[in-house]
Amino acid sequence: MVTAFIEELLFAPRSFAQKALVRLLAPLGKLVAFVQWRKLIAKTPIDLGIKVVSIGNLTLGGSGKTPLAAALAEHFDKAAIVLRGYGRKTRGLIVADGAKTVGEVGDEAALYRSLAPNALVIVCEDRKAGVLRAKALGAKIVFLDDGFRHRDIKKFDVLIRPNPPPSNSRVLPAGCYRLPLKAYDLANRVVVEGEDFIRKCSVANATDRMVLVTAISRAQRLDPFLPSEVIAKYHFRDHAVFDFRKLSEIMRQHNATSLLVTGKDLVKLEGCPIELSVLKLSPIVNATLLAALESYLRE
């Protein structure tokens, strides 16, 4: 309930209390926007000797960044994906090969391994170090997960604009944006779901009574893709670790035949004794976006 209230507050405040809180926080949001903008434009890009493409968004999660980056990485030979590795139990640079656990590399890195099996995946808080390691390991192009704010790296910036856009366009903590909207003007390309890429939906191991259980940001964005066999929905906080006993109780409570999860959830459910169905949302990328990146690679 708290997570849902906060997400609604930041993206689309509805209640009187939410709107009042947004107005109260608006001056702080303007200050944060000013500071973040100054920090952004003060950085000087450095050429690291390899083509780098950042796939990011200005809002808090839930834009389709991970599947889009994975789909683009799979399109190119000798591609690498570099990300922070949020939520992992380790620090430093780690090559996220199949021998590493979800706890070591984080759920997003584990998902990238699944979605882009031909790409090298590296987690590192220092994005420059990650890019340079990818280069040393033979990568010819590096995709930076959520790397827009790393303006000290020379790169091709792709920003995903939400579709539809949030009704609250303020900057944190008064809204869902991490940077002011004018930051879109700094991107090399702004893409929109439904125009530059679409999602192909399928369900693996579908059953007749499925309960959606997911720990992704803004889980309500899955609603248009859910099959009619979904009888209940449970939304946990982004990156949450699942309790198998709690999941078993959900199954019993609804007399469900399986739990429906996303790919990001699935990587955290290894060894789960419960029947699982998997909602797969595979991006189909517009040829013009691929052509723009191919042109950048030839420069």
Protein backbone atom coordinates (compact mmCIF):
# COMPACT_ATOMS: atom_id res chain seq x y z
CA MET A 1 0.00 0.00 0.00
CA VAL A 2 2.82 2.43 0.84
CA THR A 3 4.59 1.71 -2.45
CA ALA A 4 1.38 2.23 -4.43
CA PHE A 5 0.68 5.52 -2.62
CA ILE A 6 4.18 6.85 -3.32
CA GLU A 7 4.14 5.80 -6.99
CA GLU A 8 0.75 7.46 -7.47
CA LEU A 9 1.98 10.56 -5.63
CA LEU A 10 5.04 10.92 -7.88
CA PHE A 11 3.50 9.96 -11.23
CA ALA A 12 -0.17 10.92 -11.05
CA PRO A 13 -1.37 12.38 -7.73
CA ARG A 14 -5.13 12.00 -7.30
CA SER A 15 -6.20 12.48 -3.71
CA PHE A 16 -6.30 15.83 -1.94
CA ALA A 17 -3.51 14.68 0.41
CA GLN A 18 -1.26 13.67 -2.49
CA LYS A 19 -1.79 16.93 -4.37
CA ALA A 20 -1.19 18.95 -1.22
CA LEU A 21 2.05 17.07 -0.55
CA VAL A 22 3.23 17.67 -4.12
CA ARG A 23 2.61 21.42 -3.75
CA LEU A 24 4.49 21.39 -0.47
CA LEU A 25 7.47 19.63 -2.03
CA ALA A 26 7.45 21.65 -5.28
CA PRO A 27 10.04 24.28 -4.15
CA LEU A 28 12.45 21.54 -3.11
CA GLY A 29 11.86 19.82 -6.45
CA LYS A 30 12.78 23.03 -8.29
CA LEU A 31 15.98 23.32 -6.25
CA VAL A 32 16.91 19.70 -6.98
CA ALA A 33 16.18 20.23 -10.68
CA PHE A 34 18.48 23.27 -10.79
CA VAL A 35 21.32 21.48 -8.99
CA GLN A 36 21.02 18.32 -11.10
CA TRP A 37 20.95 20.34 -14.32
CA ARG A 38 24.08 22.28 -13.39
CA LYS A 39 25.90 19.07 -12.52
CA LEU A 40 24.79 17.52 -15.80
CA ILE A 41 25.99 20.26 -18.13
CA ALA A 42 29.24 20.85 -16.22
CA LYS A 43 30.70 17.49 -17.26
CA THR A 44 33.08 17.14 -20.21
CA PRO A 45 32.73 13.92 -22.26
CA ILE A 46 35.85 11.76 -22.57
CA ASP A 47 36.39 9.40 -25.52
CA LEU A 48 37.13 5.94 -24.11
CA GLY A 49 38.15 4.55 -27.49
CA ILE A 50 35.02 2.44 -27.99
CA LYS A 51 31.48 3.14 -29.17
CA VAL A 52 29.15 3.59 -26.20
CA VAL A 53 25.35 3.78 -26.34
CA SER A 54 23.38 4.77 -23.24
CA ILE A 55 19.80 3.55 -22.88
CA GLY A 56 18.07 5.54 -20.17
CA ASN A 57 15.07 7.50 -19.01
CA LEU A 58 14.45 10.66 -17.01
CA THR A 59 11.78 9.18 -14.77
CA LEU A 60 12.02 6.61 -12.01
CA GLY A 61 12.00 3.02 -13.38
CA GLY A 62 9.36 1.34 -15.47
CA SER A 63 10.10 2.59 -18.99
CA GLY A 64 11.15 -0.69 -20.66
CA LYS A 65 14.81 0.27 -20.53
CA THR A 66 16.20 -3.18 -19.76
CA PRO A 67 14.42 -5.19 -22.49
CA LEU A 68 15.15 -2.47 -25.07
CA ALA A 69 18.85 -2.36 -24.20
CA ALA A 70 19.03 -6.16 -24.33
CA ALA A 71 17.29 -6.28 -27.72
CA LEU A 72 19.69 -3.69 -29.14
CA ALA A 73 22.74 -5.48 -27.72
CA GLU A 74 21.64 -8.73 -29.35
CA HIS A 75 21.51 -6.93 -32.71
CA PHE A 76 25.24 -6.12 -32.68
CA ASP A 77 28.28 -8.41 -32.73
CA LYS A 78 30.69 -8.27 -29.79
CA ALA A 79 28.37 -6.14 -27.69
CA ALA A 80 28.68 -5.57 -23.95
CA ILE A 81 26.21 -4.27 -21.40
CA VAL A 82 27.50 -2.29 -18.41
CA LEU A 83 25.30 -1.51 -15.44
CA ARG A 84 25.59 -0.62 -11.79
CA GLY A 85 24.17 -3.89 -10.48
CA TYR A 86 21.59 -2.38 -8.14
CA GLY A 87 20.62 -4.55 -5.18
CA ARG A 88 23.58 -6.94 -5.37
CA LYS A 89 25.41 -8.08 -2.25
CA THR A 90 28.84 -7.29 -3.71
CA ARG A 91 30.81 -4.23 -4.74
CA GLY A 92 33.33 -3.46 -7.43
CA LEU A 93 33.65 -4.72 -10.99
CA ILE A 94 32.28 -8.18 -11.76
CA VAL A 95 31.88 -9.90 -15.11
CA ALA A 96 28.37 -11.28 -14.75
CA ASP A 97 28.87 -14.65 -16.41
CA GLY A 98 26.67 -17.67 -15.77
CA ALA A 99 28.78 -18.74 -12.79
CA LYS A 100 27.73 -15.67 -10.79
CA THR A 101 24.57 -15.73 -8.66
CA VAL A 102 21.79 -13.15 -8.62
CA GLY A 103 23.05 -12.02 -5.22
CA GLU A 104 26.50 -11.36 -6.67
CA VAL A 105 25.41 -9.38 -9.73
CA GLY A 106 21.83 -8.18 -9.05
CA ASP A 107 18.53 -9.12 -10.67
CA GLU A 108 18.88 -6.77 -13.65
CA ALA A 109 22.28 -8.21 -14.63
CA ALA A 110 20.86 -11.72 -14.32
CA LEU A 111 17.95 -10.66 -16.55
CA TYR A 112 20.37 -9.24 -19.12
CA ARG A 113 22.16 -12.61 -19.21
CA SER A 114 18.84 -14.21 -20.09
CA LEU A 115 17.64 -11.61 -22.61
CA ALA A 116 21.00 -11.02 -24.32
CA PRO A 117 22.93 -14.31 -24.09
CA ASN A 118 25.42 -13.22 -26.76
CA ALA A 119 26.42 -10.03 -24.94
CA LEU A 120 29.09 -9.58 -22.29
CA VAL A 121 27.48 -8.30 -19.06
CA ILE A 122 29.52 -6.31 -16.53
CA VAL A 123 28.39 -4.75 -13.26
CA CYS A 124 30.36 -1.88 -11.78
CA GLU A 125 29.55 1.30 -9.86
CA ASP A 126 32.27 3.06 -11.91
CA ARG A 127 30.82 3.11 -15.43
CA LYS A 128 34.12 4.17 -17.01
CA ALA A 129 35.91 1.21 -15.46
CA GLY A 130 33.15 -1.08 -16.71
CA VAL A 131 33.40 0.28 -20.26
CA LEU A 132 37.18 -0.05 -20.28
CA ARG A 133 36.99 -3.65 -19.03
CA ALA A 134 34.49 -4.46 -21.78
CA LYS A 135 36.88 -2.93 -24.31
CA ALA A 136 39.79 -4.97 -22.93
CA LEU A 137 37.69 -8.14 -23.23
CA GLY A 138 37.09 -7.53 -26.93
CA ALA A 139 33.78 -5.67 -27.06
CA LYS A 140 33.20 -3.41 -30.06
CA ILE A 141 30.15 -1.58 -28.70
CA VAL A 142 29.02 -1.02 -25.13
CA PHE A 143 25.45 -0.40 -23.99
CA LEU A 144 25.24 1.56 -20.75
CA ASP A 145 22.19 0.77 -18.67
CA ASP A 146 20.76 4.05 -17.36
CA GLY A 147 23.91 5.96 -18.27
CA PHE A 148 22.49 9.32 -19.38
CA ARG A 149 23.72 11.21 -16.32
CA HIS A 150 27.27 9.94 -16.92
CA ARG A 151 27.99 12.87 -19.22
CA ASP A 152 31.74 12.49 -18.69
CA ILE A 153 31.68 9.55 -21.13
CA LYS A 154 31.47 10.26 -24.86
CA LYS A 155 28.45 8.29 -26.05
CA PHE A 156 25.24 8.15 -28.06
CA ASP A 157 22.37 8.89 -25.67
CA VAL A 158 18.99 7.24 -26.17
CA LEU A 159 16.27 8.42 -23.79
CA ILE A 160 12.92 6.65 -23.47
CA ARG A 161 10.01 9.06 -23.09
CA PRO A 162 7.07 7.50 -21.19
CA ASN A 163 3.94 6.85 -23.22
CA PRO A 164 1.61 8.17 -21.92
CA PRO A 165 3.68 10.77 -20.03
CA PRO A 166 3.15 11.11 -16.26
CA SER A 167 0.69 13.83 -15.29
CA ASN A 168 3.18 15.03 -12.65
CA SER A 169 6.24 16.37 -14.49
CA ARG A 170 8.05 17.73 -11.43
CA VAL A 171 11.49 16.59 -10.29
CA LEU A 172 12.06 14.45 -7.20
CA PRO A 173 10.95 14.62 -4.45
CA ALA A 174 7.93 16.48 -5.84
CA GLY A 175 7.53 14.26 -8.91
CA CYS A 176 8.81 11.23 -10.77
CA TYR A 177 11.51 12.93 -12.86
CA ARG A 178 15.17 12.70 -11.86
CA LEU A 179 16.10 15.60 -14.17
CA PRO A 180 14.13 18.51 -15.66
CA LEU A 181 12.29 17.86 -18.93
CA LYS A 182 14.74 20.05 -20.88
CA ALA A 183 17.29 17.25 -20.47
CA TYR A 184 15.52 15.49 -23.35
CA ASP A 185 17.14 18.09 -25.61
CA LEU A 186 20.59 16.72 -24.73
CA ALA A 187 19.80 13.21 -25.99
CA ASN A 188 20.93 12.02 -29.41
CA ARG A 189 17.62 10.26 -29.81
CA VAL A 190 14.38 10.25 -27.83
CA VAL A 191 12.29 7.12 -28.33
CA VAL A 192 8.69 6.34 -27.45
CA GLU A 193 7.10 2.93 -26.93
CA GLY A 194 4.48 2.35 -29.59
CA GLU A 195 6.45 4.39 -32.12
CA ASP A 196 10.12 3.41 -31.95
CA PHE A 197 9.55 -0.01 -30.39
CA ILE A 198 6.61 -2.20 -29.48
CA ARG A 199 6.23 -5.15 -27.11
CA LYS A 200 5.39 -8.62 -28.35
CA CYS A 201 3.58 -10.41 -25.50
CA SER A 202 3.50 -14.13 -24.78
CA VAL A 203 3.04 -16.32 -21.70
CA ALA A 204 5.21 -19.38 -21.15
CA ASN A 205 3.58 -22.27 -19.26
CA ALA A 206 0.20 -20.54 -19.05
CA THR A 207 -2.44 -22.12 -16.79
CA ASP A 208 -6.14 -21.50 -16.21
CA ARG A 209 -5.87 -19.75 -12.80
CA MET A 210 -2.81 -17.51 -12.60
CA VAL A 211 -1.92 -14.96 -9.92
CA LEU A 212 0.40 -12.15 -10.95
CA VAL A 213 3.27 -11.73 -8.48
CA THR A 214 5.86 -9.15 -9.42
CA ALA A 215 8.52 -6.87 -7.94
CA ILE A 216 9.03 -4.30 -10.67
CA SER A 217 8.57 -0.55 -10.66
CA ARG A 218 5.06 0.65 -11.59
CA ALA A 219 3.70 -2.87 -11.97
CA GLN A 220 0.34 -1.53 -13.19
CA ARG A 221 1.94 -0.96 -16.60
CA LEU A 222 1.68 -4.73 -17.09
CA ASP A 223 -2.13 -4.59 -16.98
CA PRO A 224 -2.69 -4.19 -20.75
CA PHE A 225 -0.65 -7.35 -21.38
CA LEU A 226 -2.22 -9.63 -18.77
CA PRO A 227 -4.25 -12.60 -20.02
CA SER A 228 -7.82 -13.16 -18.87
CA GLU A 229 -6.72 -16.15 -16.77
CA VAL A 230 -5.13 -13.81 -14.18
CA ILE A 231 -7.40 -13.96 -11.14
CA ALA A 232 -5.44 -11.73 -8.72
CA LYS A 233 -2.43 -9.39 -8.63
CA TYR A 234 0.27 -8.81 -6.01
CA HIS A 235 2.74 -5.95 -6.44
CA PHE A 236 5.89 -5.88 -4.30
CA ARG A 237 8.45 -3.09 -4.16
CA ASP A 238 10.98 -2.89 -7.00
CA HIS A 239 13.85 -5.43 -6.63
CA ALA A 240 12.20 -7.10 -3.63
CA VAL A 241 13.34 -10.62 -2.72
CA PHE A 242 10.53 -13.16 -2.67
CA ASP A 243 9.56 -15.25 0.35
CA PHE A 244 8.60 -18.70 -0.95
CA ARG A 245 6.32 -19.30 2.05
CA LYS A 246 4.41 -16.09 1.28
CA LEU A 247 4.10 -17.14 -2.36
CA SER A 248 2.76 -20.55 -1.32
CA GLU A 249 0.17 -18.85 0.87
CA ILE A 250 -0.92 -16.68 -2.09
CA MET A 251 -1.34 -19.83 -4.18
CA ARG A 252 -3.51 -21.48 -1.51
CA GLN A 253 -5.56 -18.34 -0.84
CA HIS A 254 -6.65 -18.07 -4.48
CA ASN A 255 -6.66 -21.78 -5.33
CA ALA A 256 -4.29 -20.80 -8.15
CA THR A 257 -2.73 -23.19 -10.63
CA SER A 258 0.41 -21.05 -11.11
CA LEU A 259 2.04 -17.73 -10.32
CA LEU A 260 2.57 -15.38 -13.26
CA VAL A 261 5.91 -13.55 -13.06
CA THR A 262 8.05 -11.36 -15.32
CA GLY A 263 11.53 -12.26 -16.51
CA LYS A 264 13.02 -9.92 -13.92
CA ASP A 265 11.13 -11.79 -11.19
CA LEU A 266 12.02 -15.21 -12.58
CA VAL A 267 15.77 -14.79 -12.05
CA LYS A 268 15.11 -14.49 -8.29
CA LEU A 269 12.94 -17.61 -8.13
CA GLU A 270 15.52 -20.32 -8.74
CA GLY A 271 14.57 -23.38 -6.71
CA CYS A 272 11.01 -22.17 -6.15
CA PRO A 273 8.77 -25.26 -5.72
CA ILE A 274 5.69 -23.43 -7.02
CA GLU A 275 4.37 -23.75 -10.58
CA LEU A 276 5.42 -20.62 -12.48
CA SER A 277 4.11 -18.99 -15.64
CA VAL A 278 6.26 -16.30 -17.26
CA LEU A 279 5.01 -13.12 -18.92
CA LYS A 280 7.39 -12.33 -21.77
CA LEU A 281 7.39 -8.83 -23.28
CA SER A 282 9.89 -8.85 -26.14
CA PRO A 283 10.63 -5.50 -27.84
CA ILE A 284 10.44 -5.23 -31.60
CA VAL A 285 12.66 -2.28 -32.53
CA ASN A 286 11.88 0.15 -35.33
CA ALA A 287 14.35 -0.07 -38.21
CA THR A 288 15.10 3.66 -38.02
CA LEU A 289 16.48 3.34 -34.48
CA LEU A 290 18.68 0.42 -35.51
CA ALA A 291 19.86 2.40 -38.54
CA ALA A 292 20.78 5.37 -36.33
CA LEU A 293 22.92 3.16 -34.09
CA GLU A 294 24.54 1.42 -37.05
CA SER A 295 25.42 4.82 -38.48
CA TYR A 296 26.94 5.85 -35.13
CA LEU A 297 28.97 2.64 -35.05
CA ARG A 298 30.44 3.45 -38.49
CA GLU A 299 31.54 6.96 -37.50
